[in-house]
N, C-alpha and C. Protein backbone atom coordinates (compact mmCIF):
# COMPACT_ATOMS: atom_id res chain seq x y z
N MET A 1 101.71 22.01 -86.78
CA MET A 1 102.54 21.58 -87.90
C MET A 1 101.76 21.78 -89.20
N ASP A 2 102.40 22.37 -90.19
CA ASP A 2 101.79 22.58 -91.49
C ASP A 2 101.45 21.25 -92.14
N PHE A 3 100.34 21.23 -92.92
CA PHE A 3 99.91 19.98 -93.54
C PHE A 3 100.99 19.39 -94.45
N MET A 4 101.67 20.24 -95.22
CA MET A 4 102.73 19.73 -96.09
C MET A 4 103.86 19.10 -95.28
N ASP A 5 104.15 19.67 -94.12
CA ASP A 5 105.19 19.09 -93.26
C ASP A 5 104.77 17.70 -92.80
N ILE A 6 103.50 17.55 -92.44
CA ILE A 6 103.00 16.23 -92.02
C ILE A 6 103.08 15.25 -93.18
N SER A 7 102.68 15.69 -94.36
CA SER A 7 102.69 14.82 -95.54
C SER A 7 104.10 14.31 -95.83
N LYS A 8 105.08 15.20 -95.70
CA LYS A 8 106.47 14.80 -95.98
C LYS A 8 107.07 13.99 -94.84
N LYS A 9 106.55 14.21 -93.63
CA LYS A 9 107.03 13.45 -92.47
C LYS A 9 106.58 12.00 -92.52
N ARG A 10 105.42 11.78 -93.12
CA ARG A 10 104.90 10.41 -93.19
C ARG A 10 105.75 9.57 -94.13
N ILE A 11 106.35 8.53 -93.59
CA ILE A 11 107.12 7.59 -94.39
C ILE A 11 106.70 6.18 -94.01
N THR A 12 106.96 5.26 -94.90
CA THR A 12 106.60 3.87 -94.63
C THR A 12 107.62 3.26 -93.67
N VAL A 13 107.11 2.69 -92.58
CA VAL A 13 107.95 2.05 -91.57
C VAL A 13 107.68 0.55 -91.59
N ARG A 14 108.73 -0.22 -91.75
CA ARG A 14 108.60 -1.68 -91.74
C ARG A 14 109.42 -2.32 -90.63
N GLN A 15 109.73 -1.53 -89.63
CA GLN A 15 110.49 -2.04 -88.49
C GLN A 15 110.06 -1.24 -87.26
N PHE A 16 109.34 -1.90 -86.36
CA PHE A 16 108.73 -1.20 -85.23
C PHE A 16 109.37 -1.57 -83.91
N SER A 17 109.35 -0.59 -83.00
CA SER A 17 109.74 -0.83 -81.62
C SER A 17 108.65 -1.64 -80.92
N ARG A 18 109.03 -2.31 -79.85
CA ARG A 18 108.05 -3.05 -79.05
C ARG A 18 107.30 -2.13 -78.08
N THR A 19 107.66 -0.88 -78.04
CA THR A 19 107.01 0.07 -77.13
C THR A 19 105.53 0.19 -77.45
N PRO A 20 104.67 -0.04 -76.48
CA PRO A 20 103.23 0.09 -76.74
C PRO A 20 102.87 1.55 -77.07
N VAL A 21 101.85 1.72 -77.88
CA VAL A 21 101.34 3.06 -78.19
C VAL A 21 100.32 3.46 -77.13
N GLU A 22 100.49 4.66 -76.61
CA GLU A 22 99.61 5.14 -75.56
C GLU A 22 98.16 5.22 -76.05
N GLU A 23 97.24 4.89 -75.15
CA GLU A 23 95.81 4.92 -75.49
C GLU A 23 95.38 6.30 -75.97
N GLU A 24 95.97 7.34 -75.38
CA GLU A 24 95.62 8.70 -75.78
C GLU A 24 95.92 8.92 -77.26
N LYS A 25 97.05 8.39 -77.73
CA LYS A 25 97.41 8.55 -79.14
C LYS A 25 96.52 7.69 -80.04
N ILE A 26 96.16 6.51 -79.56
CA ILE A 26 95.24 5.67 -80.34
C ILE A 26 93.92 6.41 -80.54
N GLN A 27 93.43 7.03 -79.49
CA GLN A 27 92.17 7.76 -79.58
C GLN A 27 92.27 8.94 -80.53
N LYS A 28 93.40 9.63 -80.55
CA LYS A 28 93.58 10.75 -81.48
C LYS A 28 93.52 10.26 -82.93
N ILE A 29 94.14 9.12 -83.19
CA ILE A 29 94.12 8.56 -84.54
C ILE A 29 92.70 8.17 -84.94
N LEU A 30 92.00 7.52 -84.03
CA LEU A 30 90.61 7.12 -84.32
C LEU A 30 89.72 8.34 -84.52
N GLU A 31 89.94 9.41 -83.76
CA GLU A 31 89.16 10.63 -83.94
C GLU A 31 89.41 11.25 -85.31
N ALA A 32 90.66 11.19 -85.77
CA ALA A 32 90.97 11.71 -87.11
C ALA A 32 90.16 10.96 -88.16
N GLY A 33 90.03 9.66 -87.98
CA GLY A 33 89.21 8.88 -88.90
C GLY A 33 87.73 9.23 -88.78
N ARG A 34 87.30 9.47 -87.57
CA ARG A 34 85.87 9.79 -87.34
C ARG A 34 85.46 11.07 -88.03
N TRP A 35 86.38 12.03 -88.13
CA TRP A 35 86.07 13.32 -88.73
C TRP A 35 86.42 13.38 -90.21
N SER A 36 86.75 12.26 -90.81
CA SER A 36 87.04 12.22 -92.24
C SER A 36 85.75 12.39 -93.04
N PRO A 37 85.85 12.95 -94.24
CA PRO A 37 84.66 13.05 -95.08
C PRO A 37 84.28 11.71 -95.69
N THR A 38 82.99 11.46 -95.78
CA THR A 38 82.47 10.28 -96.47
C THR A 38 81.26 10.71 -97.29
N ALA A 39 80.92 9.95 -98.30
CA ALA A 39 79.83 10.31 -99.19
C ALA A 39 78.53 10.50 -98.40
N VAL A 40 77.88 11.65 -98.61
CA VAL A 40 76.66 12.07 -97.91
C VAL A 40 76.75 11.81 -96.40
N ASN A 41 77.96 11.87 -95.88
CA ASN A 41 78.22 11.67 -94.45
C ASN A 41 77.68 10.33 -93.94
N GLY A 42 77.75 9.31 -94.80
CA GLY A 42 77.23 8.00 -94.43
C GLY A 42 78.05 7.28 -93.38
N GLN A 43 79.34 7.60 -93.31
CA GLN A 43 80.26 7.03 -92.32
C GLN A 43 80.18 5.49 -92.26
N PRO A 44 80.38 4.84 -93.41
CA PRO A 44 80.29 3.38 -93.42
C PRO A 44 81.54 2.67 -92.90
N GLN A 45 82.58 3.43 -92.57
CA GLN A 45 83.82 2.79 -92.12
C GLN A 45 83.59 2.01 -90.83
N ARG A 46 84.26 0.89 -90.75
CA ARG A 46 84.24 0.07 -89.55
C ARG A 46 85.69 -0.28 -89.23
N ILE A 47 86.19 0.24 -88.11
CA ILE A 47 87.60 0.12 -87.76
C ILE A 47 87.74 -0.87 -86.60
N LEU A 48 88.51 -1.90 -86.81
CA LEU A 48 88.79 -2.87 -85.76
C LEU A 48 90.21 -2.64 -85.25
N VAL A 49 90.34 -2.31 -83.96
CA VAL A 49 91.65 -2.09 -83.35
C VAL A 49 92.17 -3.42 -82.84
N LEU A 50 93.34 -3.79 -83.32
CA LEU A 50 93.97 -5.06 -82.94
C LEU A 50 95.26 -4.75 -82.19
N ASN A 51 95.27 -5.02 -80.89
CA ASN A 51 96.47 -4.67 -80.11
C ASN A 51 96.76 -5.64 -78.97
N THR A 52 96.21 -6.85 -79.05
CA THR A 52 96.57 -7.89 -78.08
C THR A 52 97.43 -8.93 -78.78
N PRO A 53 98.25 -9.67 -78.04
CA PRO A 53 99.06 -10.73 -78.67
C PRO A 53 98.22 -11.71 -79.48
N GLU A 54 97.02 -12.03 -78.99
CA GLU A 54 96.16 -12.98 -79.68
C GLU A 54 95.69 -12.40 -81.02
N SER A 55 95.29 -11.14 -81.02
CA SER A 55 94.82 -10.51 -82.25
C SER A 55 95.95 -10.35 -83.26
N LEU A 56 97.12 -9.94 -82.79
CA LEU A 56 98.25 -9.74 -83.69
C LEU A 56 98.74 -11.06 -84.27
N ALA A 57 98.57 -12.15 -83.52
CA ALA A 57 98.92 -13.47 -84.07
C ALA A 57 98.00 -13.82 -85.24
N LYS A 58 96.76 -13.38 -85.18
CA LYS A 58 95.83 -13.61 -86.29
C LYS A 58 96.26 -12.81 -87.52
N VAL A 59 96.74 -11.58 -87.29
CA VAL A 59 97.25 -10.77 -88.39
C VAL A 59 98.38 -11.49 -89.10
N ARG A 60 99.31 -12.02 -88.33
CA ARG A 60 100.42 -12.78 -88.91
C ARG A 60 99.90 -13.93 -89.77
N GLU A 61 98.84 -14.56 -89.31
CA GLU A 61 98.33 -15.74 -90.01
C GLU A 61 97.72 -15.38 -91.35
N PHE A 62 96.95 -14.29 -91.42
CA PHE A 62 96.33 -13.98 -92.71
C PHE A 62 97.19 -13.05 -93.58
N CYS A 63 98.41 -12.77 -93.10
CA CYS A 63 99.36 -11.99 -93.92
C CYS A 63 100.57 -12.82 -94.33
N SER A 64 100.46 -14.13 -94.30
CA SER A 64 101.55 -15.02 -94.68
C SER A 64 101.30 -15.62 -96.06
N PHE A 65 102.34 -15.57 -96.90
CA PHE A 65 102.25 -16.09 -98.25
C PHE A 65 103.51 -16.85 -98.60
N GLY A 66 103.53 -17.47 -99.77
CA GLY A 66 104.68 -18.25 -100.20
C GLY A 66 105.96 -17.43 -100.23
N TYR A 67 107.09 -18.09 -100.02
CA TYR A 67 108.38 -17.41 -99.90
C TYR A 67 108.76 -16.71 -101.20
N ASP A 68 109.22 -15.47 -101.08
CA ASP A 68 109.67 -14.70 -102.24
C ASP A 68 110.80 -13.78 -101.76
N GLN A 69 112.01 -14.02 -102.25
CA GLN A 69 113.18 -13.31 -101.77
C GLN A 69 113.09 -11.79 -101.96
N LYS A 70 112.41 -11.34 -103.01
CA LYS A 70 112.37 -9.89 -103.26
C LYS A 70 111.68 -9.14 -102.14
N TYR A 71 110.72 -9.78 -101.47
CA TYR A 71 110.05 -9.12 -100.37
C TYR A 71 110.90 -9.18 -99.10
N VAL A 72 111.66 -10.22 -98.96
CA VAL A 72 112.60 -10.30 -97.84
C VAL A 72 113.67 -9.23 -97.99
N ASP A 73 114.12 -8.99 -99.23
CA ASP A 73 115.10 -7.94 -99.48
C ASP A 73 114.54 -6.57 -99.13
N LEU A 74 113.24 -6.40 -99.30
CA LEU A 74 112.59 -5.13 -98.98
C LEU A 74 112.53 -4.91 -97.47
N ALA A 75 112.28 -5.99 -96.72
CA ALA A 75 112.19 -5.90 -95.26
C ALA A 75 112.52 -7.27 -94.67
N LYS A 76 113.66 -7.35 -94.00
CA LYS A 76 114.10 -8.64 -93.45
C LYS A 76 113.11 -9.21 -92.44
N GLU A 77 112.28 -8.31 -91.87
CA GLU A 77 111.26 -8.77 -90.91
C GLU A 77 110.23 -9.70 -91.54
N CYS A 78 110.18 -9.71 -92.88
CA CYS A 78 109.23 -10.59 -93.58
C CYS A 78 109.69 -12.05 -93.60
N ASP A 79 110.96 -12.27 -93.34
CA ASP A 79 111.57 -13.57 -93.60
C ASP A 79 111.07 -14.66 -92.64
N ASP A 80 110.40 -15.65 -93.19
CA ASP A 80 110.00 -16.85 -92.44
C ASP A 80 110.35 -18.05 -93.30
N LYS A 81 111.61 -18.06 -93.76
CA LYS A 81 112.05 -19.07 -94.73
C LYS A 81 111.97 -20.47 -94.17
N ASP A 82 112.16 -20.61 -92.85
CA ASP A 82 112.09 -21.94 -92.23
C ASP A 82 110.73 -22.59 -92.47
N ASN A 83 109.70 -21.77 -92.61
CA ASN A 83 108.36 -22.28 -92.88
C ASN A 83 107.93 -22.06 -94.32
N GLY A 84 108.89 -21.63 -95.15
CA GLY A 84 108.60 -21.42 -96.57
C GLY A 84 107.65 -20.28 -96.83
N LYS A 85 107.72 -19.23 -95.99
CA LYS A 85 106.75 -18.14 -96.10
C LYS A 85 107.42 -16.78 -96.06
N VAL A 86 106.69 -15.82 -96.57
CA VAL A 86 106.96 -14.40 -96.32
C VAL A 86 105.80 -13.90 -95.48
N ASN A 87 106.13 -13.26 -94.37
CA ASN A 87 105.10 -12.81 -93.45
C ASN A 87 105.07 -11.29 -93.43
N PHE A 88 103.98 -10.71 -93.94
CA PHE A 88 103.87 -9.26 -94.03
C PHE A 88 103.34 -8.65 -92.73
N TYR A 89 104.09 -8.88 -91.69
CA TYR A 89 103.82 -8.24 -90.40
C TYR A 89 105.16 -7.84 -89.83
N TYR A 90 105.28 -6.61 -89.38
CA TYR A 90 106.59 -6.06 -89.04
C TYR A 90 106.75 -5.74 -87.56
N GLY A 91 105.95 -6.39 -86.72
CA GLY A 91 106.10 -6.19 -85.29
C GLY A 91 105.42 -4.97 -84.72
N ALA A 92 104.49 -4.38 -85.47
CA ALA A 92 103.77 -3.20 -84.97
C ALA A 92 102.95 -3.57 -83.74
N PRO A 93 102.92 -2.71 -82.72
CA PRO A 93 102.18 -3.04 -81.50
C PRO A 93 100.68 -2.94 -81.64
N PHE A 94 100.23 -2.21 -82.67
CA PHE A 94 98.79 -2.26 -82.93
C PHE A 94 98.50 -2.05 -84.40
N VAL A 95 97.36 -2.59 -84.79
CA VAL A 95 96.94 -2.61 -86.19
C VAL A 95 95.52 -2.09 -86.26
N LEU A 96 95.26 -1.24 -87.25
CA LEU A 96 93.89 -0.82 -87.53
C LEU A 96 93.43 -1.56 -88.77
N PHE A 97 92.42 -2.39 -88.60
CA PHE A 97 91.84 -3.16 -89.70
C PHE A 97 90.65 -2.37 -90.21
N VAL A 98 90.75 -1.88 -91.44
CA VAL A 98 89.77 -0.94 -91.97
C VAL A 98 88.84 -1.64 -92.95
N SER A 99 87.55 -1.59 -92.65
CA SER A 99 86.51 -2.16 -93.51
C SER A 99 85.42 -1.12 -93.72
N TYR A 100 84.45 -1.47 -94.54
CA TYR A 100 83.24 -0.65 -94.61
C TYR A 100 82.03 -1.58 -94.58
N ASP A 101 80.94 -1.03 -94.07
CA ASP A 101 79.69 -1.78 -94.00
C ASP A 101 78.93 -1.56 -95.31
N LYS A 102 78.74 -2.63 -96.05
CA LYS A 102 78.10 -2.54 -97.37
C LYS A 102 76.66 -2.04 -97.29
N THR A 103 76.05 -2.14 -96.12
CA THR A 103 74.66 -1.69 -95.98
C THR A 103 74.58 -0.21 -95.58
N ALA A 104 75.74 0.42 -95.35
CA ALA A 104 75.73 1.80 -94.86
C ALA A 104 76.31 2.79 -95.86
N CYS A 105 76.60 2.34 -97.07
CA CYS A 105 77.26 3.19 -98.06
C CYS A 105 76.25 3.93 -98.92
N TRP A 106 76.70 5.08 -99.43
CA TRP A 106 75.96 5.74 -100.49
C TRP A 106 76.18 4.97 -101.78
N THR A 107 75.13 4.86 -102.59
CA THR A 107 75.21 4.17 -103.87
C THR A 107 74.80 5.12 -104.98
N HIS A 108 75.62 5.18 -106.02
CA HIS A 108 75.32 6.07 -107.14
C HIS A 108 74.01 5.65 -107.80
N PRO A 109 73.06 6.58 -107.97
CA PRO A 109 71.73 6.19 -108.47
C PRO A 109 71.72 5.67 -109.90
N GLN A 110 72.70 6.07 -110.72
CA GLN A 110 72.75 5.58 -112.10
C GLN A 110 73.61 4.33 -112.25
N SER A 111 74.84 4.40 -111.74
CA SER A 111 75.77 3.29 -111.95
C SER A 111 75.62 2.18 -110.93
N GLY A 112 75.05 2.50 -109.77
CA GLY A 112 74.95 1.51 -108.70
C GLY A 112 76.25 1.30 -107.96
N GLU A 113 77.27 2.10 -108.27
CA GLU A 113 78.58 1.94 -107.64
C GLU A 113 78.54 2.43 -106.19
N SER A 114 79.14 1.64 -105.30
CA SER A 114 79.16 1.97 -103.87
C SER A 114 80.31 2.91 -103.54
N SER A 115 80.08 3.77 -102.56
CA SER A 115 81.13 4.68 -102.10
C SER A 115 82.02 4.06 -101.04
N GLY A 116 81.72 2.84 -100.62
CA GLY A 116 82.37 2.26 -99.44
C GLY A 116 83.88 2.21 -99.48
N ALA A 117 84.45 1.70 -100.58
CA ALA A 117 85.91 1.57 -100.65
C ALA A 117 86.58 2.93 -100.63
N THR A 118 85.98 3.89 -101.33
CA THR A 118 86.53 5.25 -101.34
C THR A 118 86.45 5.86 -99.95
N ASP A 119 85.31 5.74 -99.31
CA ASP A 119 85.13 6.30 -97.96
C ASP A 119 86.16 5.71 -96.99
N ALA A 120 86.30 4.39 -97.00
CA ALA A 120 87.23 3.73 -96.08
C ALA A 120 88.67 4.14 -96.35
N THR A 121 89.00 4.35 -97.62
CA THR A 121 90.35 4.76 -97.98
C THR A 121 90.64 6.17 -97.49
N ILE A 122 89.67 7.07 -97.61
CA ILE A 122 89.83 8.43 -97.09
C ILE A 122 90.05 8.39 -95.58
N VAL A 123 89.25 7.60 -94.89
CA VAL A 123 89.36 7.48 -93.43
C VAL A 123 90.75 6.96 -93.05
N ALA A 124 91.21 5.92 -93.74
CA ALA A 124 92.53 5.35 -93.44
C ALA A 124 93.64 6.37 -93.67
N THR A 125 93.51 7.16 -94.73
CA THR A 125 94.52 8.18 -95.03
C THR A 125 94.59 9.22 -93.92
N HIS A 126 93.43 9.68 -93.46
CA HIS A 126 93.42 10.67 -92.38
C HIS A 126 94.04 10.10 -91.11
N MET A 127 93.77 8.85 -90.80
CA MET A 127 94.35 8.23 -89.61
C MET A 127 95.86 8.09 -89.76
N MET A 128 96.32 7.74 -90.94
CA MET A 128 97.75 7.58 -91.18
C MET A 128 98.48 8.91 -91.01
N LEU A 129 97.89 10.00 -91.50
CA LEU A 129 98.52 11.31 -91.38
C LEU A 129 98.49 11.80 -89.93
N GLU A 130 97.43 11.52 -89.21
CA GLU A 130 97.39 11.87 -87.80
C GLU A 130 98.48 11.13 -87.03
N ALA A 131 98.68 9.87 -87.36
CA ALA A 131 99.75 9.10 -86.71
C ALA A 131 101.11 9.75 -86.95
N ALA A 132 101.35 10.19 -88.18
CA ALA A 132 102.62 10.85 -88.50
C ALA A 132 102.78 12.13 -87.69
N SER A 133 101.68 12.85 -87.49
CA SER A 133 101.75 14.14 -86.79
C SER A 133 102.12 13.97 -85.32
N ILE A 134 101.91 12.77 -84.76
CA ILE A 134 102.23 12.53 -83.35
C ILE A 134 103.38 11.54 -83.21
N ASP A 135 104.25 11.55 -84.23
CA ASP A 135 105.54 10.84 -84.19
C ASP A 135 105.43 9.32 -84.19
N LEU A 136 104.38 8.80 -84.82
CA LEU A 136 104.25 7.36 -84.96
C LEU A 136 104.51 6.96 -86.40
N GLY A 137 105.07 5.78 -86.58
CA GLY A 137 105.30 5.25 -87.91
C GLY A 137 104.12 4.40 -88.36
N THR A 138 103.93 4.32 -89.66
CA THR A 138 102.85 3.51 -90.21
C THR A 138 103.31 2.81 -91.47
N VAL A 139 102.60 1.74 -91.79
CA VAL A 139 102.70 1.15 -93.12
C VAL A 139 101.29 0.69 -93.51
N TRP A 140 100.94 1.02 -94.75
CA TRP A 140 99.63 0.68 -95.29
C TRP A 140 99.72 -0.72 -95.88
N ILE A 141 98.82 -1.61 -95.49
CA ILE A 141 98.83 -2.99 -95.96
C ILE A 141 97.52 -3.30 -96.68
N SER A 142 97.63 -3.68 -97.93
CA SER A 142 96.43 -4.11 -98.67
C SER A 142 96.58 -5.54 -99.19
N TYR A 143 97.77 -6.13 -98.96
CA TYR A 143 98.05 -7.47 -99.45
C TYR A 143 97.87 -8.46 -98.30
N PHE A 144 96.67 -9.01 -98.19
CA PHE A 144 96.40 -10.01 -97.16
C PHE A 144 95.23 -10.86 -97.62
N ASP A 145 95.08 -12.01 -97.00
CA ASP A 145 94.02 -12.95 -97.36
C ASP A 145 92.72 -12.48 -96.70
N LYS A 146 91.88 -11.81 -97.47
CA LYS A 146 90.68 -11.20 -96.90
C LYS A 146 89.69 -12.24 -96.37
N ALA A 147 89.57 -13.35 -97.08
CA ALA A 147 88.64 -14.39 -96.62
C ALA A 147 89.10 -14.96 -95.28
N LYS A 148 90.41 -15.20 -95.17
CA LYS A 148 90.94 -15.73 -93.91
C LYS A 148 90.81 -14.69 -92.80
N ALA A 149 91.03 -13.41 -93.13
CA ALA A 149 90.88 -12.36 -92.13
C ALA A 149 89.44 -12.30 -91.63
N GLN A 150 88.48 -12.38 -92.55
CA GLN A 150 87.08 -12.34 -92.14
C GLN A 150 86.74 -13.50 -91.20
N GLU A 151 87.33 -14.66 -91.51
CA GLU A 151 87.07 -15.83 -90.68
C GLU A 151 87.72 -15.70 -89.30
N LEU A 152 89.01 -15.35 -89.27
CA LEU A 152 89.73 -15.29 -88.00
C LEU A 152 89.26 -14.16 -87.10
N LEU A 153 88.88 -13.04 -87.71
CA LEU A 153 88.43 -11.89 -86.93
C LEU A 153 86.93 -11.89 -86.69
N ARG A 154 86.24 -12.86 -87.29
CA ARG A 154 84.79 -13.00 -87.13
C ARG A 154 84.05 -11.72 -87.52
N LEU A 155 84.40 -11.22 -88.69
CA LEU A 155 83.77 -10.01 -89.17
C LEU A 155 82.33 -10.31 -89.61
N PRO A 156 81.43 -9.36 -89.40
CA PRO A 156 80.07 -9.53 -89.93
C PRO A 156 80.10 -9.66 -91.45
N GLU A 157 79.14 -10.35 -92.00
CA GLU A 157 79.11 -10.57 -93.45
C GLU A 157 79.00 -9.27 -94.23
N THR A 158 78.44 -8.25 -93.62
CA THR A 158 78.26 -6.98 -94.34
C THR A 158 79.53 -6.13 -94.34
N TRP A 159 80.56 -6.54 -93.61
CA TRP A 159 81.79 -5.76 -93.57
C TRP A 159 82.72 -6.20 -94.70
N GLU A 160 83.15 -5.25 -95.50
CA GLU A 160 84.07 -5.52 -96.61
C GLU A 160 85.45 -4.97 -96.25
N PRO A 161 86.48 -5.83 -96.08
CA PRO A 161 87.82 -5.35 -95.75
C PRO A 161 88.42 -4.52 -96.88
N VAL A 162 89.16 -3.48 -96.51
CA VAL A 162 89.81 -2.62 -97.48
C VAL A 162 91.33 -2.62 -97.30
N CYS A 163 91.79 -2.37 -96.08
CA CYS A 163 93.23 -2.28 -95.85
C CYS A 163 93.50 -2.39 -94.36
N MET A 164 94.77 -2.38 -94.01
CA MET A 164 95.19 -2.29 -92.62
C MET A 164 96.26 -1.22 -92.50
N LEU A 165 96.33 -0.62 -91.32
CA LEU A 165 97.44 0.25 -90.98
C LEU A 165 98.18 -0.38 -89.81
N TYR A 166 99.47 -0.68 -90.02
CA TYR A 166 100.32 -1.07 -88.90
C TYR A 166 100.88 0.23 -88.33
N ILE A 167 100.79 0.39 -87.01
CA ILE A 167 101.16 1.66 -86.38
C ILE A 167 102.01 1.39 -85.14
N GLY A 168 103.03 2.22 -84.95
CA GLY A 168 103.85 2.11 -83.76
C GLY A 168 105.04 3.05 -83.84
N TYR A 169 105.86 3.02 -82.81
CA TYR A 169 107.09 3.80 -82.84
C TYR A 169 108.12 3.07 -83.70
N PRO A 170 108.79 3.77 -84.59
CA PRO A 170 109.84 3.11 -85.38
C PRO A 170 110.92 2.54 -84.47
N ALA A 171 111.49 1.41 -84.86
CA ALA A 171 112.59 0.82 -84.11
C ALA A 171 113.78 1.78 -84.11
N GLU A 172 114.61 1.69 -83.08
CA GLU A 172 115.75 2.60 -82.95
C GLU A 172 116.68 2.53 -84.16
N ASP A 173 116.84 1.34 -84.71
CA ASP A 173 117.76 1.19 -85.84
C ASP A 173 117.04 1.24 -87.20
N PHE A 174 115.76 1.68 -87.19
CA PHE A 174 115.04 1.79 -88.46
C PHE A 174 115.63 2.89 -89.33
N LYS A 175 115.79 2.56 -90.60
CA LYS A 175 116.23 3.54 -91.59
C LYS A 175 115.31 3.43 -92.80
N PRO A 176 114.76 4.55 -93.26
CA PRO A 176 113.87 4.49 -94.44
C PRO A 176 114.59 3.91 -95.64
N ASN A 177 113.85 3.15 -96.43
CA ASN A 177 114.41 2.60 -97.66
C ASN A 177 114.57 3.76 -98.65
N PRO A 178 115.81 4.07 -99.06
CA PRO A 178 116.01 5.24 -99.93
C PRO A 178 115.34 5.10 -101.29
N ARG A 179 115.09 3.86 -101.69
CA ARG A 179 114.44 3.63 -102.98
C ARG A 179 112.95 3.92 -102.92
N LEU A 180 112.37 3.86 -101.72
CA LEU A 180 110.93 3.99 -101.58
C LEU A 180 110.48 5.26 -100.87
N SER A 181 111.39 5.96 -100.24
CA SER A 181 111.01 7.13 -99.45
C SER A 181 111.58 8.42 -100.05
N GLY A 182 110.81 9.47 -99.97
CA GLY A 182 111.31 10.79 -100.32
C GLY A 182 111.13 11.19 -101.77
N HIS A 183 111.42 10.29 -102.70
CA HIS A 183 111.35 10.66 -104.11
C HIS A 183 109.90 10.77 -104.58
N ARG A 184 109.60 11.84 -105.29
CA ARG A 184 108.30 11.99 -105.93
C ARG A 184 108.52 12.52 -107.35
N LYS A 185 107.70 12.06 -108.26
CA LYS A 185 107.78 12.55 -109.63
C LYS A 185 107.39 14.02 -109.66
N PRO A 186 107.90 14.78 -110.62
CA PRO A 186 107.47 16.18 -110.74
C PRO A 186 106.00 16.26 -111.13
N LEU A 187 105.35 17.35 -110.73
CA LEU A 187 103.93 17.52 -111.04
C LEU A 187 103.66 17.44 -112.54
N SER A 188 104.63 17.84 -113.34
CA SER A 188 104.43 17.84 -114.79
C SER A 188 104.19 16.44 -115.34
N GLU A 189 104.55 15.40 -114.57
CA GLU A 189 104.35 14.03 -115.03
C GLU A 189 103.03 13.44 -114.55
N THR A 190 102.41 14.08 -113.57
CA THR A 190 101.21 13.48 -112.97
C THR A 190 99.99 14.39 -112.97
N CYS A 191 100.17 15.69 -113.21
CA CYS A 191 99.06 16.63 -113.16
C CYS A 191 98.99 17.44 -114.45
N PHE A 192 97.78 17.63 -114.96
CA PHE A 192 97.61 18.29 -116.26
C PHE A 192 96.47 19.29 -116.17
N TYR A 193 96.65 20.43 -116.81
CA TYR A 193 95.64 21.49 -116.80
C TYR A 193 94.79 21.42 -118.06
N ASN A 194 93.53 21.12 -117.89
CA ASN A 194 92.50 21.25 -118.92
C ASN A 194 92.57 20.25 -120.07
N THR A 195 93.73 19.92 -120.57
CA THR A 195 93.87 18.93 -121.64
C THR A 195 94.98 17.97 -121.31
N ILE A 196 94.87 16.75 -121.83
CA ILE A 196 95.90 15.73 -121.60
C ILE A 196 96.91 15.81 -122.73
N PRO A 197 98.19 15.88 -122.42
CA PRO A 197 99.20 15.98 -123.48
C PRO A 197 99.13 14.80 -124.44
N SER A 198 99.39 15.08 -125.69
CA SER A 198 99.40 14.03 -126.70
C SER A 198 100.58 13.09 -126.47
N THR A 199 100.33 11.81 -126.64
CA THR A 199 101.41 10.82 -126.52
C THR A 199 101.95 10.42 -127.89
N GLU A 200 101.39 11.00 -128.92
CA GLU A 200 101.85 10.67 -130.27
C GLU A 200 103.17 11.37 -130.56
N GLU A 201 104.07 10.68 -131.25
CA GLU A 201 105.35 11.25 -131.62
C GLU A 201 105.25 11.95 -132.97
């Protein structure tokens, strides 16, 4: 499959089937992350695979926030109104919790800036695209209680959480949100050659 075809095939899925993802496919996704580029090949990414009922219950716990109707409108699976919450977990059979090890990153010699967040983001992107190429749905999650996640998952102190990928087969009745899928701005609005257009009238 052409890379552009994979890029366009990848859509955000917020409604998953209960069908487990085969171990062979999980390994393919993890391999895609393993071969991702990282600064000076430091490979600081640390990927935690969560696919047991106990682990996924922890995900639900650190992805729950105060009730907000606009998020329920986006995905009814978020609705936990009886408990006054919105729960950002959509029933995915497995989750990749993506962190980086702060002791394993390249650090810019002048600015002191770490490559860790960038490296982990590249790795997560490659895994997400690999999932799309093998007919799995994904949703990228960056809105969660990181401190609670570190506590519940017992992450080492050197691990810095970046994001999660919920992965699974889309539910049979899943339909992409037309407001969020497919539309992209023209390149003329986001890409510029050599100089930035003047914003002055």
